[in-house]
Amino acid sequence: MPPDHDHEPRWNIIDKLYNKMDKVLDKAFIDNKCSFLEVEITMLMVKEKISQQKHELYNMYLESKENDKDDDEEGTTKAPDHMFK
């Protein structure tokens, strides 16, 4: 994705995901006779999972940045196998 479009949401994907989730919630209300509290707790659990995934990705980013910093200090860089052949 070009740098000027890095932070633009892909609304077509968002809309598809929303529609799928809406259908699942409708089915849960009808088939399982879910209460609003049960759906709200489920959504809270999904939100927590997304938050955990974001923290995990951020930690991976920090680790890779730290590893890059260590490589720069040693004066060695890792070249891909296909380079310089």
Protein backbone atom coordinates (compact mmCIF):
# COMPACT_ATOMS: atom_id res chain seq x y z
CA MET A 1 0.00 0.00 0.00
CA PRO A 2 1.41 3.41 -0.87
CA PRO A 3 2.58 5.50 2.12
CA ASP A 4 -0.09 8.13 1.56
CA HIS A 5 -2.78 5.45 2.01
CA ASP A 6 -1.28 3.71 5.06
CA HIS A 7 -3.93 4.76 7.54
CA GLU A 8 -7.03 4.76 5.39
CA PRO A 9 -9.53 2.12 6.53
CA ARG A 10 -10.62 -0.33 3.87
CA TRP A 11 -14.33 0.37 4.17
CA ASN A 12 -15.37 -2.44 1.87
CA ILE A 13 -13.78 -4.97 4.21
CA ILE A 14 -15.18 -3.23 7.28
CA ASP A 15 -18.67 -3.30 5.79
CA LYS A 16 -18.42 -7.02 4.94
CA LEU A 17 -17.19 -7.88 8.43
CA TYR A 18 -19.94 -5.80 10.03
CA ASN A 19 -22.61 -7.51 7.93
CA LYS A 20 -21.30 -10.96 8.89
CA MET A 21 -21.24 -10.06 12.58
CA ASP A 22 -24.73 -8.59 12.34
CA LYS A 23 -26.06 -11.85 10.84
CA VAL A 24 -24.39 -13.89 13.58
CA LEU A 25 -25.91 -11.67 16.27
CA ASP A 26 -29.36 -11.92 14.70
CA LYS A 27 -29.04 -15.70 14.59
CA ALA A 28 -27.91 -15.79 18.23
CA PHE A 29 -30.91 -13.73 19.32
CA ILE A 30 -33.35 -15.94 17.42
CA ASP A 31 -31.86 -19.44 17.76
CA ASN A 32 -30.30 -19.24 21.22
CA LYS A 33 -32.66 -16.65 22.69
CA CYS A 34 -29.64 -14.69 23.88
CA SER A 35 -30.12 -11.76 26.19
CA PHE A 36 -28.53 -8.40 25.58
CA LEU A 37 -26.23 -9.04 28.53
CA GLU A 38 -24.92 -12.27 27.00
CA VAL A 39 -24.27 -10.55 23.67
CA GLU A 40 -22.62 -7.62 25.43
CA ILE A 41 -20.30 -9.95 27.37
CA THR A 42 -19.43 -11.75 24.14
CA MET A 43 -18.60 -8.47 22.43
CA LEU A 44 -16.47 -7.47 25.43
CA MET A 45 -14.56 -10.74 25.09
CA VAL A 46 -13.98 -10.08 21.38
CA LYS A 47 -12.80 -6.55 22.13
CA GLU A 48 -10.39 -7.90 24.76
CA LYS A 49 -9.00 -10.43 22.30
CA ILE A 50 -8.40 -7.68 19.73
CA SER A 51 -6.65 -5.61 22.39
CA GLN A 52 -4.41 -8.54 23.32
CA GLN A 53 -3.52 -9.07 19.65
CA LYS A 54 -2.59 -5.39 19.31
CA HIS A 55 -0.32 -5.61 22.37
CA GLU A 56 1.30 -8.76 21.03
CA LEU A 57 1.97 -7.14 17.66
CA TYR A 58 3.36 -4.03 19.34
CA ASN A 59 5.69 -6.18 21.46
CA MET A 60 6.88 -7.99 18.33
CA TYR A 61 7.53 -4.61 16.70
CA LEU A 62 9.55 -3.42 19.70
CA GLU A 63 11.57 -6.64 19.78
CA SER A 64 12.39 -6.38 16.09
CA LYS A 65 13.36 -2.75 16.51
CA GLU A 66 15.62 -3.70 19.44
CA ASN A 67 17.21 -6.50 17.39
CA ASP A 68 17.83 -4.09 14.52
CA LYS A 69 19.43 -1.65 16.96
CA ASP A 70 21.70 -4.41 18.32
CA ASP A 71 22.75 -5.40 14.79
CA ASP A 72 23.61 -1.79 13.96
CA GLU A 73 25.74 -1.47 17.10
CA GLU A 74 27.70 -4.62 16.22
CA GLY A 75 28.40 -3.24 12.78
CA THR A 76 27.02 -6.28 11.04
CA THR A 77 23.92 -6.45 8.98
CA LYS A 78 22.16 -9.56 7.88
CA ALA A 79 22.01 -9.71 4.14
CA PRO A 80 19.45 -11.96 2.49
CA ASP A 81 20.79 -15.26 1.10
CA HIS A 82 20.08 -14.24 -2.48
CA MET A 83 22.17 -11.07 -2.26
CA PHE A 84 25.70 -10.79 -3.68
CA LYS A 85 25.60 -14.02 -5.70
